[in-house]
Amino acid sequence: MRNFKKLKIWQKGFEIAVKPITLTATFPKEEKYGICTQVTKAAVSVPSNIAEGSSRSSEKYQKRFLEIASGSTFELETQLLISKAVNFGDENIIKDILNDVDQEQKMLMSFFNKIKS
């Protein structure tokens, strides 16, 4: 078992999870239970799955949770691109989060490949 809080992929994921909460606060009120919820859930899923995977003794299960975290980054990326396309939220904040998501995707893949199969 690892101390997940020391993992750079978890730290970046945590940073990613916090930013969309501020972003979605500026979305239209009628989207509170729509895209706001989807964006927040996908963002929170990234560090949550990294943390859960770090508790697993089997490398097979660690990799599975990293796959889920990675999938959440792609889900979040899609939702942010949709938000940008319909002019929800600050475009600069969205670009910043998308940049973080891109970095996280690369870090997750690298970490995933370092775990023994």
PDB file of N, CA and C in Angstrom:
ATOM      1  N   MET A   1       0.847  -1.188   0.000  1.00  0.00           N
ATOM      2  CA  MET A   1       0.000   0.000   0.000  1.00  0.00           C
ATOM      3  C   MET A   1       0.888   1.245   0.000  1.00  0.00           C
ATOM      4  N   ARG A   2       0.524   2.195  -0.821  1.00  0.00           N
ATOM      5  CA  ARG A   2       1.281   3.450  -0.934  1.00  0.00           C
ATOM      6  C   ARG A   2       0.567   4.566  -0.195  1.00  0.00           C
ATOM      7  N   ASN A   3       1.345   5.569   0.180  1.00  0.00           N
ATOM      8  CA  ASN A   3       0.735   6.797   0.678  1.00  0.00           C
ATOM      9  C   ASN A   3       0.345   7.602  -0.558  1.00  0.00           C
ATOM     10  N   PHE A   4      -0.914   7.494  -0.942  1.00  0.00           N
ATOM     11  CA  PHE A   4      -1.383   8.097  -2.190  1.00  0.00           C
ATOM     12  C   PHE A   4      -1.153   9.598  -2.244  1.00  0.00           C
ATOM     13  N   LYS A   5      -1.132  10.273  -1.092  1.00  0.00           N
ATOM     14  CA  LYS A   5      -0.969  11.731  -1.087  1.00  0.00           C
ATOM     15  C   LYS A   5       0.420  12.158  -1.551  1.00  0.00           C
ATOM     16  N   LYS A   6       1.368  11.230  -1.573  1.00  0.00           N
ATOM     17  CA  LYS A   6       2.712  11.542  -2.047  1.00  0.00           C
ATOM     18  C   LYS A   6       2.867  11.328  -3.550  1.00  0.00           C
ATOM     19  N   LEU A   7       1.882  10.679  -4.159  1.00  0.00           N
ATOM     20  CA  LEU A   7       1.952  10.418  -5.597  1.00  0.00           C
ATOM     21  C   LEU A   7       1.670  11.704  -6.382  1.00  0.00           C
ATOM     22  N   LYS A   8       2.548  12.025  -7.322  1.00  0.00           N
ATOM     23  CA  LYS A   8       2.353  13.225  -8.143  1.00  0.00           C
ATOM     24  C   LYS A   8       1.063  13.132  -8.962  1.00  0.00           C
ATOM     25  N   ILE A   9       0.699  11.924  -9.375  1.00  0.00           N
ATOM     26  CA  ILE A   9      -0.541  11.778 -10.147  1.00  0.00           C
ATOM     27  C   ILE A   9      -1.758  12.080  -9.281  1.00  0.00           C
ATOM     28  N   TRP A  10      -1.685  11.740  -7.989  1.00  0.00           N
ATOM     29  CA  TRP A  10      -2.797  12.069  -7.099  1.00  0.00           C
ATOM     30  C   TRP A  10      -2.831  13.573  -6.841  1.00  0.00           C
ATOM     31  N   GLN A  11      -1.671  14.185  -6.600  1.00  0.00           N
ATOM     32  CA  GLN A  11      -1.597  15.623  -6.335  1.00  0.00           C
ATOM     33  C   GLN A  11      -2.159  16.429  -7.505  1.00  0.00           C
ATOM     34  N   LYS A  12      -1.781  16.051  -8.724  1.00  0.00           N
ATOM     35  CA  LYS A  12      -2.303  16.744  -9.914  1.00  0.00           C
ATOM     36  C   LYS A  12      -3.805  16.467 -10.042  1.00  0.00           C
ATOM     37  N   GLY A  13      -4.221  15.244  -9.781  1.00  0.00           N
ATOM     38  CA  GLY A  13      -5.637  14.909  -9.829  1.00  0.00           C
ATOM     39  C   GLY A  13      -6.447  15.690  -8.818  1.00  0.00           C
ATOM     40  N   PHE A  14      -5.896  15.888  -7.638  1.00  0.00           N
ATOM     41  CA  PHE A  14      -6.559  16.673  -6.588  1.00  0.00           C
ATOM     42  C   PHE A  14      -6.724  18.114  -7.057  1.00  0.00           C
ATOM     43  N   GLU A  15      -5.665  18.653  -7.642  1.00  0.00           N
ATOM     44  CA  GLU A  15      -5.711  20.023  -8.181  1.00  0.00           C
ATOM     45  C   GLU A  15      -6.801  20.134  -9.256  1.00  0.00           C
ATOM     46  N   ILE A  16      -6.877  19.121 -10.109  1.00  0.00           N
ATOM     47  CA  ILE A  16      -7.896  19.099 -11.163  1.00  0.00           C
ATOM     48  C   ILE A  16      -9.295  19.037 -10.553  1.00  0.00           C
ATOM     49  N   ALA A  17      -9.462  18.289  -9.483  1.00  0.00           N
ATOM     50  CA  ALA A  17     -10.782  18.116  -8.854  1.00  0.00           C
ATOM     51  C   ALA A  17     -11.305  19.408  -8.242  1.00  0.00           C
ATOM     52  N   VAL A  18     -10.419  20.251  -7.747  1.00  0.00           N
ATOM     53  CA  VAL A  18     -10.835  21.477  -7.061  1.00  0.00           C
ATOM     54  C   VAL A  18     -11.246  22.576  -8.051  1.00  0.00           C
ATOM     55  N   LYS A  19     -10.519  22.725  -9.127  1.00  0.00           N
ATOM     56  CA  LYS A  19     -10.762  23.828 -10.065  1.00  0.00           C
ATOM     57  C   LYS A  19     -12.165  23.840 -10.689  1.00  0.00           C
ATOM     58  N   PRO A  20     -12.703  22.707 -11.116  1.00  0.00           N
ATOM     59  CA  PRO A  20     -14.032  22.745 -11.738  1.00  0.00           C
ATOM     60  C   PRO A  20     -15.154  23.165 -10.785  1.00  0.00           C
ATOM     61  N   ILE A  21     -14.960  23.000  -9.505  1.00  0.00           N
ATOM     62  CA  ILE A  21     -15.988  23.424  -8.553  1.00  0.00           C
ATOM     63  C   ILE A  21     -16.170  24.936  -8.649  1.00  0.00           C
ATOM     64  N   THR A  22     -15.071  25.668  -8.729  1.00  0.00           N
ATOM     65  CA  THR A  22     -15.118  27.119  -8.896  1.00  0.00           C
ATOM     66  C   THR A  22     -15.672  27.481 -10.276  1.00  0.00           C
ATOM     67  N   LEU A  23     -15.227  26.751 -11.291  1.00  0.00           N
ATOM     68  CA  LEU A  23     -15.684  27.017 -12.655  1.00  0.00           C
ATOM     69  C   LEU A  23     -17.189  26.847 -12.784  1.00  0.00           C
ATOM     70  N   THR A  24     -17.719  25.734 -12.312  1.00  0.00           N
ATOM     71  CA  THR A  24     -19.142  25.449 -12.512  1.00  0.00           C
ATOM     72  C   THR A  24     -20.052  26.360 -11.696  1.00  0.00           C
ATOM     73  N   ALA A  25     -19.505  27.034 -10.695  1.00  0.00           N
ATOM     74  CA  ALA A  25     -20.308  27.997  -9.923  1.00  0.00           C
ATOM     75  C   ALA A  25     -20.768  29.158 -10.805  1.00  0.00           C
ATOM     76  N   THR A  26     -20.080  29.363 -11.931  1.00  0.00           N
ATOM     77  CA  THR A  26     -20.436  30.450 -12.853  1.00  0.00           C
ATOM     78  C   THR A  26     -21.359  29.990 -13.977  1.00  0.00           C
ATOM     79  N   PHE A  27     -21.656  28.698 -14.043  1.00  0.00           N
ATOM     80  CA  PHE A  27     -22.535  28.159 -15.082  1.00  0.00           C
ATOM     81  C   PHE A  27     -23.974  28.599 -14.796  1.00  0.00           C
ATOM     82  N   PRO A  28     -24.835  28.561 -15.815  1.00  0.00           N
ATOM     83  CA  PRO A  28     -26.250  28.908 -15.594  1.00  0.00           C
ATOM     84  C   PRO A  28     -26.877  28.028 -14.507  1.00  0.00           C
ATOM     85  N   LYS A  29     -27.741  28.623 -13.705  1.00  0.00           N
ATOM     86  CA  LYS A  29     -28.383  27.915 -12.580  1.00  0.00           C
ATOM     87  C   LYS A  29     -29.118  26.653 -13.043  1.00  0.00           C
ATOM     88  N   GLU A  30     -29.726  26.717 -14.212  1.00  0.00           N
ATOM     89  CA  GLU A  30     -30.485  25.554 -14.693  1.00  0.00           C
ATOM     90  C   GLU A  30     -29.581  24.364 -15.033  1.00  0.00           C
ATOM     91  N   GLU A  31     -28.280  24.570 -15.065  1.00  0.00           N
ATOM     92  CA  GLU A  31     -27.328  23.485 -15.319  1.00  0.00           C
ATOM     93  C   GLU A  31     -26.795  22.854 -14.032  1.00  0.00           C
ATOM     94  N   LYS A  32     -27.296  23.294 -12.887  1.00  0.00           N
ATOM     95  CA  LYS A  32     -26.809  22.776 -11.603  1.00  0.00           C
ATOM     96  C   LYS A  32     -26.826  21.249 -11.554  1.00  0.00           C
ATOM     97  N   TYR A  33     -27.902  20.651 -12.065  1.00  0.00           N
ATOM     98  CA  TYR A  33     -28.014  19.192 -12.032  1.00  0.00           C
ATOM     99  C   TYR A  33     -27.709  18.570 -13.388  1.00  0.00           C
ATOM    100  N   GLY A  34     -27.209  19.369 -14.293  1.00  0.00           N
ATOM    101  CA  GLY A  34     -26.834  18.880 -15.612  1.00  0.00           C
ATOM    102  C   GLY A  34     -25.327  18.769 -15.725  1.00  0.00           C
ATOM    103  N   ILE A  35     -24.768  19.604 -16.561  1.00  0.00           N
ATOM    104  CA  ILE A  35     -23.336  19.509 -16.835  1.00  0.00           C
ATOM    105  C   ILE A  35     -22.479  19.845 -15.615  1.00  0.00           C
ATOM    106  N   CYS A  36     -22.976  20.697 -14.722  1.00  0.00           N
ATOM    107  CA  CYS A  36     -22.206  21.021 -13.500  1.00  0.00           C
ATOM    108  C   CYS A  36     -21.921  19.756 -12.697  1.00  0.00           C
ATOM    109  N   THR A  37     -22.946  18.957 -12.507  1.00  0.00           N
ATOM    110  CA  THR A  37     -22.794  17.719 -11.748  1.00  0.00           C
ATOM    111  C   THR A  37     -21.864  16.755 -12.470  1.00  0.00           C
ATOM    112  N   GLN A  38     -22.007  16.650 -13.781  1.00  0.00           N
ATOM    113  CA  GLN A  38     -21.171  15.735 -14.565  1.00  0.00           C
ATOM    114  C   GLN A  38     -19.696  16.136 -14.488  1.00  0.00           C
ATOM    115  N   VAL A  39     -19.426  17.432 -14.638  1.00  0.00           N
ATOM    116  CA  VAL A  39     -18.053  17.933 -14.589  1.00  0.00           C
ATOM    117  C   VAL A  39     -17.437  17.656 -13.217  1.00  0.00           C
ATOM    118  N   THR A  40     -18.178  17.977 -12.177  1.00  0.00           N
ATOM    119  CA  THR A  40     -17.664  17.794 -10.824  1.00  0.00           C
ATOM    120  C   THR A  40     -17.419  16.318 -10.512  1.00  0.00           C
ATOM    121  N   LYS A  41     -18.355  15.457 -10.878  1.00  0.00           N
ATOM    122  CA  LYS A  41     -18.191  14.016 -10.610  1.00  0.00           C
ATOM    123  C   LYS A  41     -16.983  13.440 -11.342  1.00  0.00           C
ATOM    124  N   ALA A  42     -16.807  13.802 -12.602  1.00  0.00           N
ATOM    125  CA  ALA A  42     -15.671  13.291 -13.364  1.00  0.00           C
ATOM    126  C   ALA A  42     -14.358  13.786 -12.759  1.00  0.00           C
ATOM    127  N   ALA A  43     -14.321  15.060 -12.374  1.00  0.00           N
ATOM    128  CA  ALA A  43     -13.100  15.637 -11.801  1.00  0.00           C
ATOM    129  C   ALA A  43     -12.744  14.977 -10.469  1.00  0.00           C
ATOM    130  N   VAL A  44     -13.731  14.782  -9.613  1.00  0.00           N
ATOM    131  CA  VAL A  44     -13.503  14.180  -8.294  1.00  0.00           C
ATOM    132  C   VAL A  44     -13.118  12.710  -8.439  1.00  0.00           C
ATOM    133  N   SER A  45     -13.576  12.064  -9.481  1.00  0.00           N
ATOM    134  CA  SER A  45     -13.278  10.649  -9.715  1.00  0.00           C
ATOM    135  C   SER A  45     -11.788  10.397  -9.958  1.00  0.00           C
ATOM    136  N   VAL A  46     -11.087  11.360 -10.517  1.00  0.00           N
ATOM    137  CA  VAL A  46      -9.676  11.164 -10.862  1.00  0.00           C
ATOM    138  C   VAL A  46      -8.833  10.873  -9.613  1.00  0.00           C
ATOM    139  N   PRO A  47      -8.720  11.794  -8.659  1.00  0.00           N
ATOM    140  CA  PRO A  47      -7.889  11.488  -7.493  1.00  0.00           C
ATOM    141  C   PRO A  47      -8.491  10.388  -6.608  1.00  0.00           C
ATOM    142  N   SER A  48      -9.815  10.272  -6.614  1.00  0.00           N
ATOM    143  CA  SER A  48     -10.469   9.252  -5.793  1.00  0.00           C
ATOM    144  C   SER A  48     -10.068   7.853  -6.235  1.00  0.00           C
ATOM    145  N   ASN A  49     -10.048   7.622  -7.536  1.00  0.00           N
ATOM    146  CA  ASN A  49      -9.667   6.299  -8.035  1.00  0.00           C
ATOM    147  C   ASN A  49      -8.174   6.025  -7.893  1.00  0.00           C
ATOM    148  N   ILE A  50      -7.365   7.054  -7.990  1.00  0.00           N
ATOM    149  CA  ILE A  50      -5.925   6.881  -7.752  1.00  0.00           C
ATOM    150  C   ILE A  50      -5.712   6.467  -6.300  1.00  0.00           C
ATOM    151  N   ALA A  51      -6.403   7.134  -5.385  1.00  0.00           N
ATOM    152  CA  ALA A  51      -6.291   6.801  -3.964  1.00  0.00           C
ATOM    153  C   ALA A  51      -6.771   5.376  -3.697  1.00  0.00           C
ATOM    154  N   GLU A  52      -7.919   5.019  -4.255  1.00  0.00           N
ATOM    155  CA  GLU A  52      -8.446   3.678  -4.025  1.00  0.00           C
ATOM    156  C   GLU A  52      -7.517   2.616  -4.602  1.00  0.00           C
ATOM    157  N   GLY A  53      -6.983   2.854  -5.773  1.00  0.00           N
ATOM    158  CA  GLY A  53      -6.062   1.902  -6.382  1.00  0.00           C
ATOM    159  C   GLY A  53      -4.796   1.708  -5.572  1.00  0.00           C
ATOM    160  N   SER A  54      -4.349   2.765  -4.915  1.00  0.00           N
ATOM    161  CA  SER A  54      -3.118   2.662  -4.121  1.00  0.00           C
ATOM    162  C   SER A  54      -3.299   1.766  -2.898  1.00  0.00           C
ATOM    163  N   SER A  55      -4.543   1.515  -2.523  1.00  0.00           N
ATOM    164  CA  SER A  55      -4.801   0.658  -1.363  1.00  0.00           C
ATOM    165  C   SER A  55      -4.813  -0.820  -1.732  1.00  0.00           C
ATOM    166  N   ARG A  56      -4.809  -1.115  -2.999  1.00  0.00           N
ATOM    167  CA  ARG A  56      -4.888  -2.506  -3.455  1.00  0.00           C
ATOM    168  C   ARG A  56      -3.516  -3.165  -3.430  1.00  0.00           C
ATOM    169  N   SER A  57      -3.490  -4.390  -2.972  1.00  0.00           N
ATOM    170  CA  SER A  57      -2.215  -5.113  -2.888  1.00  0.00           C
ATOM    171  C   SER A  57      -1.830  -5.724  -4.232  1.00  0.00           C
ATOM    172  N   SER A  58      -2.809  -5.969  -5.070  1.00  0.00           N
ATOM    173  CA  SER A  58      -2.557  -6.561  -6.378  1.00  0.00           C
ATOM    174  C   SER A  58      -2.277  -5.474  -7.406  1.00  0.00           C
ATOM    175  N   GLU A  59      -1.203  -5.643  -8.160  1.00  0.00           N
ATOM    176  CA  GLU A  59      -0.881  -4.675  -9.212  1.00  0.00           C
ATOM    177  C   GLU A  59      -1.952  -4.669 -10.293  1.00  0.00           C
ATOM    178  N   LYS A  60      -2.609  -5.811 -10.495  1.00  0.00           N
ATOM    179  CA  LYS A  60      -3.703  -5.899 -11.466  1.00  0.00           C
ATOM    180  C   LYS A  60      -4.820  -4.929 -11.079  1.00  0.00           C
ATOM    181  N   TYR A  61      -5.167  -4.894  -9.802  1.00  0.00           N
ATOM    182  CA  TYR A  61      -6.237  -4.009  -9.346  1.00  0.00           C
ATOM    183  C   TYR A  61      -5.781  -2.552  -9.297  1.00  0.00           C
ATOM    184  N   GLN A  62      -4.510  -2.328  -8.978  1.00  0.00           N
ATOM    185  CA  GLN A  62      -3.986  -0.961  -9.018  1.00  0.00           C
ATOM    186  C   GLN A  62      -4.132  -0.397 -10.431  1.00  0.00           C
ATOM    187  N   LYS A  63      -3.768  -1.212 -11.407  1.00  0.00           N
ATOM    188  CA  LYS A  63      -3.864  -0.770 -12.799  1.00  0.00           C
ATOM    189  C   LYS A  63      -5.314  -0.501 -13.194  1.00  0.00           C
ATOM    190  N   ARG A  64      -6.231  -1.323 -12.697  1.00  0.00           N
ATOM    191  CA  ARG A  64      -7.645  -1.140 -13.035  1.00  0.00           C
ATOM    192  C   ARG A  64      -8.144   0.220 -12.559  1.00  0.00           C
ATOM    193  N   PHE A  65      -7.771   0.600 -11.336  1.00  0.00           N
ATOM    194  CA  PHE A  65      -8.213   1.898 -10.819  1.00  0.00           C
ATOM    195  C   PHE A  65      -7.534   3.051 -11.548  1.00  0.00           C
ATOM    196  N   LEU A  66      -6.311   2.845 -12.007  1.00  0.00           N
ATOM    197  CA  LEU A  66      -5.657   3.868 -12.828  1.00  0.00           C
ATOM    198  C   LEU A  66      -6.368   4.016 -14.166  1.00  0.00           C
ATOM    199  N   GLU A  67      -6.848   2.905 -14.718  1.00  0.00           N
ATOM    200  CA  GLU A  67      -7.624   2.969 -15.956  1.00  0.00           C
ATOM    201  C   GLU A  67      -8.913   3.770 -15.749  1.00  0.00           C
ATOM    202  N   ILE A  68      -9.556   3.549 -14.624  1.00  0.00           N
ATOM    203  CA  ILE A  68     -10.792   4.286 -14.328  1.00  0.00           C
ATOM    204  C   ILE A  68     -10.492   5.779 -14.175  1.00  0.00           C
ATOM    205  N   ALA A  69      -9.410   6.103 -13.453  1.00  0.00           N
ATOM    206  CA  ALA A  69      -9.012   7.507 -13.288  1.00  0.00           C
ATOM    207  C   ALA A  69      -8.714   8.136 -14.645  1.00  0.00           C
ATOM    208  N   SER A  70      -8.023   7.392 -15.495  1.00  0.00           N
ATOM    209  CA  SER A  70      -7.703   7.892 -16.833  1.00  0.00           C
ATOM    210  C   SER A  70      -8.975   8.125 -17.634  1.00  0.00           C
ATOM    211  N   GLY A  71      -9.906   7.192 -17.564  1.00  0.00           N
ATOM    212  CA  GLY A  71     -11.184   7.361 -18.252  1.00  0.00           C
ATOM    213  C   GLY A  71     -11.913   8.602 -17.784  1.00  0.00           C
ATOM    214  N   SER A  72     -11.825   8.888 -16.497  1.00  0.00           N
ATOM    215  CA  SER A  72     -12.464  10.084 -15.947  1.00  0.00           C
ATOM    216  C   SER A  72     -11.835  11.353 -16.496  1.00  0.00           C
ATOM    217  N   THR A  73     -10.523  11.328 -16.769  1.00  0.00           N
ATOM    218  CA  THR A  73      -9.887  12.523 -17.347  1.00  0.00           C
ATOM    219  C   THR A  73     -10.426  12.787 -18.748  1.00  0.00           C
ATOM    220  N   PHE A  74     -10.673  11.721 -19.517  1.00  0.00           N
ATOM    221  CA  PHE A  74     -11.201  11.897 -20.866  1.00  0.00           C
ATOM    222  C   PHE A  74     -12.663  12.335 -20.825  1.00  0.00           C
ATOM    223  N   GLU A  75     -13.398  11.824 -19.859  1.00  0.00           N
ATOM    224  CA  GLU A  75     -14.780  12.262 -19.661  1.00  0.00           C
ATOM    225  C   GLU A  75     -14.812  13.747 -19.310  1.00  0.00           C
ATOM    226  N   LEU A  76     -13.965  14.150 -18.361  1.00  0.00           N
ATOM    227  CA  LEU A  76     -13.898  15.552 -17.957  1.00  0.00           C
ATOM    228  C   LEU A  76     -13.484  16.439 -19.121  1.00  0.00           C
ATOM    229  N   GLU A  77     -12.504  15.997 -19.886  1.00  0.00           N
ATOM    230  CA  GLU A  77     -12.056  16.777 -21.050  1.00  0.00           C
ATOM    231  C   GLU A  77     -13.220  17.031 -22.009  1.00  0.00           C
ATOM    232  N   THR A  78     -13.995  15.995 -22.281  1.00  0.00           N
ATOM    233  CA  THR A  78     -15.143  16.125 -23.178  1.00  0.00           C
ATOM    234  C   THR A  78     -16.163  17.112 -22.621  1.00  0.00           C
ATOM    235  N   GLN A  79     -16.450  17.003 -21.344  1.00  0.00           N
ATOM    236  CA  GLN A  79     -17.438  17.894 -20.727  1.00  0.00           C
ATOM    237  C   GLN A  79     -16.965  19.352 -20.737  1.00  0.00           C
ATOM    238  N   LEU A  80     -15.682  19.559 -20.526  1.00  0.00           N
ATOM    239  CA  LEU A  80     -15.146  20.926 -20.574  1.00  0.00           C
ATOM    240  C   LEU A  80     -15.198  21.485 -21.995  1.00  0.00           C
ATOM    241  N   LEU A  81     -14.921  20.647 -22.980  1.00  0.00           N
ATOM    242  CA  LEU A  81     -15.001  21.099 -24.376  1.00  0.00           C
ATOM    243  C   LEU A  81     -16.437  21.456 -24.743  1.00  0.00           C
ATOM    244  N   ILE A  82     -17.389  20.675 -24.245  1.00  0.00           N
ATOM    245  CA  ILE A  82     -18.800  21.003 -24.478  1.00  0.00           C
ATOM    246  C   ILE A  82     -19.139  22.326 -23.796  1.00  0.00           C
ATOM    247  N   SER A  83     -18.694  22.492 -22.544  1.00  0.00           N
ATOM    248  CA  SER A  83     -18.956  23.740 -21.811  1.00  0.00           C
ATOM    249  C   SER A  83     -18.402  24.940 -22.564  1.00  0.00           C
ATOM    250  N   LYS A  84     -17.203  24.782 -23.092  1.00  0.00           N
ATOM    251  CA  LYS A  84     -16.570  25.858 -23.863  1.00  0.00           C
ATOM    252  C   LYS A  84     -17.369  26.150 -25.128  1.00  0.00           C
ATOM    253  N   ALA A  85     -17.833  25.096 -25.806  1.00  0.00           N
ATOM    254  CA  ALA A  85     -18.575  25.261 -27.063  1.00  0.00           C
ATOM    255  C   ALA A  85     -19.895  25.993 -26.870  1.00  0.00           C
ATOM    256  N   VAL A  86     -20.513  25.822 -25.690  1.00  0.00           N
ATOM    257  CA  VAL A  86     -21.797  26.494 -25.434  1.00  0.00           C
ATOM    258  C   VAL A  86     -21.624  27.749 -24.568  1.00  0.00           C
ATOM    259  N   ASN A  87     -20.368  28.180 -24.421  1.00  0.00           N
ATOM    260  CA  ASN A  87     -20.035  29.410 -23.691  1.00  0.00           C
ATOM    261  C   ASN A  87     -20.444  29.390 -22.219  1.00  0.00           C
ATOM    262  N   PHE A  88     -20.268  28.238 -21.566  1.00  0.00           N
ATOM    263  CA  PHE A  88     -20.465  28.162 -20.113  1.00  0.00           C
ATOM    264  C   PHE A  88     -19.106  28.338 -19.451  1.00  0.00           C
ATOM    265  N   GLY A  89     -19.013  29.226 -18.484  1.00  0.00           N
ATOM    266  CA  GLY A  89     -17.779  29.387 -17.713  1.00  0.00           C
ATOM    267  C   GLY A  89     -16.745  30.252 -18.409  1.00  0.00           C
ATOM    268  N   ASP A  90     -15.714  30.545 -17.662  1.00  0.00           N
ATOM    269  CA  ASP A  90     -14.614  31.373 -18.134  1.00  0.00           C
ATOM    270  C   ASP A  90     -13.700  30.547 -19.040  1.00  0.00           C
ATOM    271  N   GLU A  91     -13.523  31.006 -20.258  1.00  0.00           N
ATOM    272  CA  GLU A  91     -12.719  30.270 -21.243  1.00  0.00           C
ATOM    273  C   GLU A  91     -11.277  30.065 -20.780  1.00  0.00           C
ATOM    274  N   ASN A  92     -10.692  31.040 -20.091  1.00  0.00           N
ATOM    275  CA  ASN A  92      -9.315  30.899 -19.610  1.00  0.00           C
ATOM    276  C   ASN A  92      -9.199  29.841 -18.523  1.00  0.00           C
ATOM    277  N   ILE A  93     -10.191  29.758 -17.660  1.00  0.00           N
ATOM    278  CA  ILE A  93     -10.176  28.720 -16.620  1.00  0.00           C
ATOM    279  C   ILE A  93     -10.329  27.347 -17.268  1.00  0.00           C
ATOM    280  N   ILE A  94     -11.204  27.257 -18.252  1.00  0.00           N
ATOM    281  CA  ILE A  94     -11.386  25.988 -18.956  1.00  0.00           C
ATOM    282  C   ILE A  94     -10.082  25.567 -19.625  1.00  0.00           C
ATOM    283  N   LYS A  95      -9.411  26.499 -20.293  1.00  0.00           N
ATOM    284  CA  LYS A  95      -8.124  26.188 -20.937  1.00  0.00           C
ATOM    285  C   LYS A  95      -7.101  25.709 -19.909  1.00  0.00           C
ATOM    286  N   ASP A  96      -7.074  26.357 -18.754  1.00  0.00           N
ATOM    287  CA  ASP A  96      -6.150  25.977 -17.682  1.00  0.00           C
ATOM    288  C   ASP A  96      -6.423  24.550 -17.201  1.00  0.00           C
ATOM    289  N   ILE A  97      -7.687  24.242 -16.990  1.00  0.00           N
ATOM    290  CA  ILE A  97      -8.048  22.892 -16.534  1.00  0.00           C
ATOM    291  C   ILE A  97      -7.740  21.867 -17.627  1.00  0.00           C
ATOM    292  N   LEU A  98      -8.034  22.204 -18.879  1.00  0.00           N
ATOM    293  CA  LEU A  98      -7.734  21.285 -19.972  1.00  0.00           C
ATOM    294  C   LEU A  98      -6.239  20.999 -20.064  1.00  0.00           C
ATOM    295  N   ASN A  99      -5.418  21.998 -19.818  1.00  0.00           N
ATOM    296  CA  ASN A  99      -3.967  21.806 -19.802  1.00  0.00           C
ATOM    297  C   ASN A  99      -3.580  20.843 -18.673  1.00  0.00           C
ATOM    298  N   ASP A 100      -4.160  21.034 -17.494  1.00  0.00           N
ATOM    299  CA  ASP A 100      -3.898  20.138 -16.369  1.00  0.00           C
ATOM    300  C   ASP A 100      -4.342  18.710 -16.687  1.00  0.00           C
ATOM    301  N   VAL A 101      -5.490  18.588 -17.328  1.00  0.00           N
ATOM    302  CA  VAL A 101      -6.022  17.272 -17.690  1.00  0.00           C
ATOM    303  C   VAL A 101      -5.072  16.576 -18.660  1.00  0.00           C
ATOM    304  N   ASP A 102      -4.563  17.306 -19.634  1.00  0.00           N
ATOM    305  CA  ASP A 102      -3.611  16.741 -20.591  1.00  0.00           C
ATOM    306  C   ASP A 102      -2.360  16.226 -19.881  1.00  0.00           C
ATOM    307  N   GLN A 103      -1.843  17.015 -18.953  1.00  0.00           N
ATOM    308  CA  GLN A 103      -0.668  16.589 -18.179  1.00  0.00           C
ATOM    309  C   GLN A 103      -0.984  15.337 -17.364  1.00  0.00           C
ATOM    310  N   GLU A 104      -2.159  15.326 -16.741  1.00  0.00           N
ATOM    311  CA  GLU A 104      -2.558  14.188 -15.919  1.00  0.00           C
ATOM    312  C   GLU A 104      -2.694  12.917 -16.754  1.00  0.00           C
ATOM    313  N   GLN A 105      -3.243  13.031 -17.937  1.00  0.00           N
ATOM    314  CA  GLN A 105      -3.383  11.865 -18.814  1.00  0.00           C
ATOM    315  C   GLN A 105      -2.021  11.261 -19.128  1.00  0.00           C
ATOM    316  N   LYS A 106      -1.050  12.096 -19.418  1.00  0.00           N
ATOM    317  CA  LYS A 106       0.308  11.624 -19.712  1.00  0.00           C
ATOM    318  C   LYS A 106       0.948  11.001 -18.476  1.00  0.00           C
ATOM    319  N   MET A 107       0.762  11.626 -17.329  1.00  0.00           N
ATOM    320  CA  MET A 107       1.336  11.102 -16.084  1.00  0.00           C
ATOM    321  C   MET A 107       0.716   9.756 -15.712  1.00  0.00           C
ATOM    322  N   LEU A 108      -0.583   9.641 -15.876  1.00  0.00           N
ATOM    323  CA  LEU A 108      -1.266   8.375 -15.570  1.00  0.00           C
ATOM    324  C   LEU A 108      -0.764   7.254 -16.471  1.00  0.00           C
ATOM    325  N   MET A 109      -0.621   7.533 -17.752  1.00  0.00           N
ATOM    326  CA  MET A 109      -0.146   6.507 -18.686  1.00  0.00           C
ATOM    327  C   MET A 109       1.275   6.073 -18.330  1.00  0.00           C
ATOM    328  N   SER A 110       2.113   7.018 -17.994  1.00  0.00           N
ATOM    329  CA  SER A 110       3.487   6.698 -17.614  1.00  0.00           C
ATOM    330  C   SER A 110       3.514   5.847 -16.341  1.00  0.00           C
ATOM    331  N   PHE A 111       2.735   6.248 -15.345  1.00  0.00           N
ATOM    332  CA  PHE A 111       2.674   5.502 -14.087  1.00  0.00           C
ATOM    333  C   PHE A 111       2.102   4.103 -14.327  1.00  0.00           C
ATOM    334  N   PHE A 112       1.056   4.011 -15.131  1.00  0.00           N
ATOM    335  CA  PHE A 112       0.423   2.748 -15.472  1.00  0.00           C
ATOM    336  C   PHE A 112       1.456   1.797 -16.093  1.00  0.00           C
ATOM    337  N   ASN A 113       2.256   2.305 -17.015  1.00  0.00           N
ATOM    338  CA  ASN A 113       3.251   1.472 -17.712  1.00  0.00           C
ATOM    339  C   ASN A 113       4.398   1.039 -16.807  1.00  0.00           C
ATOM    340  N   LYS A 114       4.614   1.728 -15.707  1.00  0.00           N
ATOM    341  CA  LYS A 114       5.692   1.361 -14.771  1.00  0.00           C
ATOM    342  C   LYS A 114       5.283   0.260 -13.803  1.00  0.00           C
ATOM    343  N   ILE A 115       3.979   0.067 -13.657  1.00  0.00           N
ATOM    344  CA  ILE A 115       3.505  -0.996 -12.766  1.00  0.00           C
ATOM    345  C   ILE A 115       3.651  -2.335 -13.482  1.00  0.00           C
ATOM    346  N   LYS A 116       4.198  -3.307 -12.777  1.00  0.00           N
ATOM    347  CA  LYS A 116       4.368  -4.630 -13.366  1.00  0.00           C
ATOM    348  C   LYS A 116       3.012  -5.238 -13.697  1.00  0.00           C
ATOM    349  N   SER A 117       2.977  -5.987 -14.756  1.00  0.00           N
ATOM    350  CA  SER A 117       1.714  -6.638 -15.145  1.00  0.00           C
ATOM    351  C   SER A 117       1.488  -7.910 -14.378  1.00  0.00           C
TER     352      SER A 117
END
